[in-house]
Amino acid sequence: MRKYFAMTAIVVVLAGATCTPQERVYGGAATGALIGFGISELVDANTGWAVGLSLAGAAIGAEVARNNQTGQCAYKRADGRVDVRPCPRY
């Protein structure tokens, strides 16, 4: 399993060298999938959980990359509506 983890890490490093916005989203998805897979390995999850965590990580990573690209964040209000405003700068 370690060789798959190492191969995925290499793909993520190569994806991090992208320059177009669409490629950044792919890089974010790859990074998120790697983090999800890493968490599943840390907790010694079965194959189903590993796949689920990898997919969830990919979805979160792609969304984070997309938000970084546009500079917009979504904020959920108490009444259920969602406001889209510029992200805070830290």
Protein backbone atom coordinates (compact mmCIF):
# COMPACT_ATOMS: atom_id res chain seq x y z
CA MET A 1 0.00 0.00 0.00
CA ARG A 2 2.95 2.32 0.62
CA LYS A 3 3.92 2.27 -3.05
CA TYR A 4 0.43 3.52 -4.00
CA PHE A 5 0.74 6.27 -1.42
CA ALA A 6 4.13 7.27 -2.85
CA MET A 7 2.83 7.26 -6.43
CA THR A 8 -0.13 9.41 -5.41
CA ALA A 9 2.20 11.84 -3.67
CA ILE A 10 4.23 12.20 -6.88
CA VAL A 11 1.07 12.90 -8.88
CA VAL A 12 0.04 15.56 -6.36
CA VAL A 13 3.45 17.24 -6.57
CA LEU A 14 3.20 17.31 -10.36
CA ALA A 15 -0.37 18.61 -10.17
CA GLY A 16 0.82 21.41 -7.92
CA ALA A 17 2.96 22.76 -10.76
CA THR A 18 -0.11 23.65 -12.83
CA CYS A 19 -0.87 27.13 -14.02
CA THR A 20 -4.38 27.28 -15.51
CA PRO A 21 -7.42 27.64 -13.24
CA GLN A 22 -8.93 24.34 -14.42
CA GLU A 23 -5.69 22.52 -13.67
CA ARG A 24 -5.60 24.07 -10.20
CA VAL A 25 -9.00 22.52 -9.50
CA TYR A 26 -7.65 19.14 -10.62
CA GLY A 27 -4.61 19.65 -8.41
CA GLY A 28 -6.85 20.51 -5.46
CA ALA A 29 -8.91 17.39 -6.08
CA ALA A 30 -5.78 15.24 -6.24
CA THR A 31 -4.43 16.76 -3.05
CA GLY A 32 -7.75 16.25 -1.26
CA ALA A 33 -7.92 12.64 -2.42
CA LEU A 34 -4.41 12.04 -1.14
CA ILE A 35 -5.27 13.52 2.25
CA GLY A 36 -8.45 11.43 2.45
CA PHE A 37 -6.53 8.30 1.53
CA GLY A 38 -3.84 9.15 4.07
CA ILE A 39 -6.44 9.49 6.80
CA SER A 40 -7.96 6.14 5.86
CA GLU A 41 -4.50 4.55 6.15
CA LEU A 42 -3.90 6.17 9.54
CA VAL A 43 -7.11 4.76 10.98
CA ASP A 44 -6.63 1.42 9.18
CA ALA A 45 -10.00 1.68 7.41
CA ASN A 46 -11.34 -1.00 5.09
CA THR A 47 -11.50 -0.53 1.31
CA GLY A 48 -14.98 0.99 1.30
CA TRP A 49 -14.05 3.66 3.81
CA ALA A 50 -10.78 4.36 2.00
CA VAL A 51 -12.65 4.99 -1.24
CA GLY A 52 -15.25 7.14 0.51
CA LEU A 53 -12.66 9.26 2.29
CA SER A 54 -10.66 9.69 -0.91
CA LEU A 55 -13.75 10.83 -2.83
CA ALA A 56 -14.78 13.21 -0.06
CA GLY A 57 -11.27 14.62 0.08
CA ALA A 58 -11.25 15.11 -3.69
CA ALA A 59 -14.55 17.00 -3.59
CA ILE A 60 -13.39 19.23 -0.75
CA GLY A 61 -10.02 19.86 -2.38
CA ALA A 62 -11.60 20.84 -5.69
CA GLU A 63 -13.95 23.26 -3.97
CA VAL A 64 -11.14 24.86 -1.95
CA ALA A 65 -9.13 25.33 -5.15
CA ARG A 66 -12.14 26.85 -6.90
CA ASN A 67 -12.74 29.26 -4.00
CA ASN A 68 -9.08 30.30 -3.99
CA GLN A 69 -9.35 30.99 -7.72
CA THR A 70 -12.40 33.27 -7.45
CA GLY A 71 -11.71 34.72 -4.01
CA GLN A 72 -15.36 34.10 -3.08
CA CYS A 73 -16.64 32.15 -0.07
CA ALA A 74 -20.14 30.90 0.71
CA TYR A 75 -21.64 31.69 4.10
CA LYS A 76 -24.73 29.89 5.37
CA ARG A 77 -27.22 32.12 7.17
CA ALA A 78 -29.48 31.08 10.02
CA ASP A 79 -32.57 31.29 7.79
CA GLY A 80 -31.08 28.77 5.34
CA ARG A 81 -29.97 31.20 2.64
CA VAL A 82 -26.40 31.27 1.39
CA ASP A 83 -24.45 34.50 0.90
CA VAL A 84 -21.47 34.60 -1.44
CA ARG A 85 -18.96 37.27 -0.42
CA PRO A 86 -15.23 37.83 -0.73
CA CYS A 87 -13.20 35.54 1.50
CA PRO A 88 -11.54 37.12 4.55
CA ARG A 89 -7.81 37.72 4.27
CA TYR A 90 -5.74 36.32 7.10
